[in-house]
Each structure stands twice: as C-alpha cells, then as structure tokens.
Amino acid sequence: MLRKNLLNIFYVYTAQFPALFICGNCSKKRSCNAYLSQSTRGVRSLL
C-alpha cells in the first residue's frame, strides 16, 4: 500500500519489536522511514 501511495503510515508489531513505517513526498522525491523499538507489554497494549 505504501508503494501505490494508498497509505502514508502503517505499523507492524511482533513479540520482539514494533515497527512504524512513514512515507512521504518531499521536493519530488519520495522518502520512507522505519522506526523500530524493543517491544514491551505497555507498547503492545497501546497498539
């Protein structure tokens, strides 16, 4: 969905880590960033 520009943000979480992916356009260039963190019970409950 990021490749087709349907979504700009999404997340995936597992027992080991959550990952947040953010994509956007800036000056005719497309950039994507991924943010990874260690997973905790508190993070999993928020997601």
Protein backbone atom coordinates (compact mmCIF):
# COMPACT_ATOMS: atom_id res chain seq x y z
CA MET A 1 0.00 0.00 0.00
CA LEU A 2 2.95 2.33 0.55
CA ARG A 3 4.24 1.60 -2.95
CA LYS A 4 0.90 2.59 -4.51
CA ASN A 5 0.57 5.73 -2.33
CA LEU A 6 -2.63 4.45 -0.71
CA LEU A 7 -1.23 4.86 2.82
CA ASN A 8 1.49 7.12 4.22
CA ILE A 9 1.84 5.42 7.59
CA PHE A 10 1.44 1.93 8.99
CA TYR A 11 2.83 -0.24 11.74
CA VAL A 12 3.67 -3.87 12.33
CA TYR A 13 4.28 -5.41 15.69
CA THR A 14 5.59 -8.74 16.87
CA ALA A 15 6.52 -10.15 20.26
CA GLN A 16 10.09 -8.87 19.74
CA PHE A 17 9.57 -5.39 18.25
CA PRO A 18 7.09 -2.88 16.82
CA ALA A 19 7.96 -1.12 13.55
CA LEU A 20 6.39 2.12 12.32
CA PHE A 21 6.76 2.96 8.61
CA ILE A 22 6.22 6.53 7.39
CA CYS A 23 6.41 7.62 3.75
CA GLY A 24 6.00 10.99 2.13
CA ASN A 25 6.94 13.20 -0.80
CA CYS A 26 9.45 16.00 -0.42
CA SER A 27 10.60 18.09 -3.39
CA LYS A 28 9.58 15.46 -5.96
CA LYS A 29 11.49 12.78 -4.03
CA ARG A 30 9.78 10.01 -2.13
CA SER A 31 11.21 9.08 1.23
CA CYS A 32 10.32 6.27 3.61
CA ASN A 33 11.44 5.88 7.19
CA ALA A 34 11.15 2.95 9.56
CA TYR A 35 11.21 3.30 13.33
CA LEU A 36 11.99 0.20 15.36
CA SER A 37 11.80 -0.29 19.10
CA GLN A 38 12.05 -3.11 21.57
CA SER A 39 8.63 -4.46 22.41
CA THR A 40 7.19 -4.23 25.89
CA ARG A 41 3.81 -5.17 27.27
CA GLY A 42 2.92 -1.46 27.51
CA VAL A 43 3.79 -0.78 23.85
CA ARG A 44 1.83 -3.81 22.67
CA SER A 45 -1.22 -2.75 24.69
CA LEU A 46 -1.13 0.75 23.12
CA LEU A 47 -1.04 -0.69 19.61
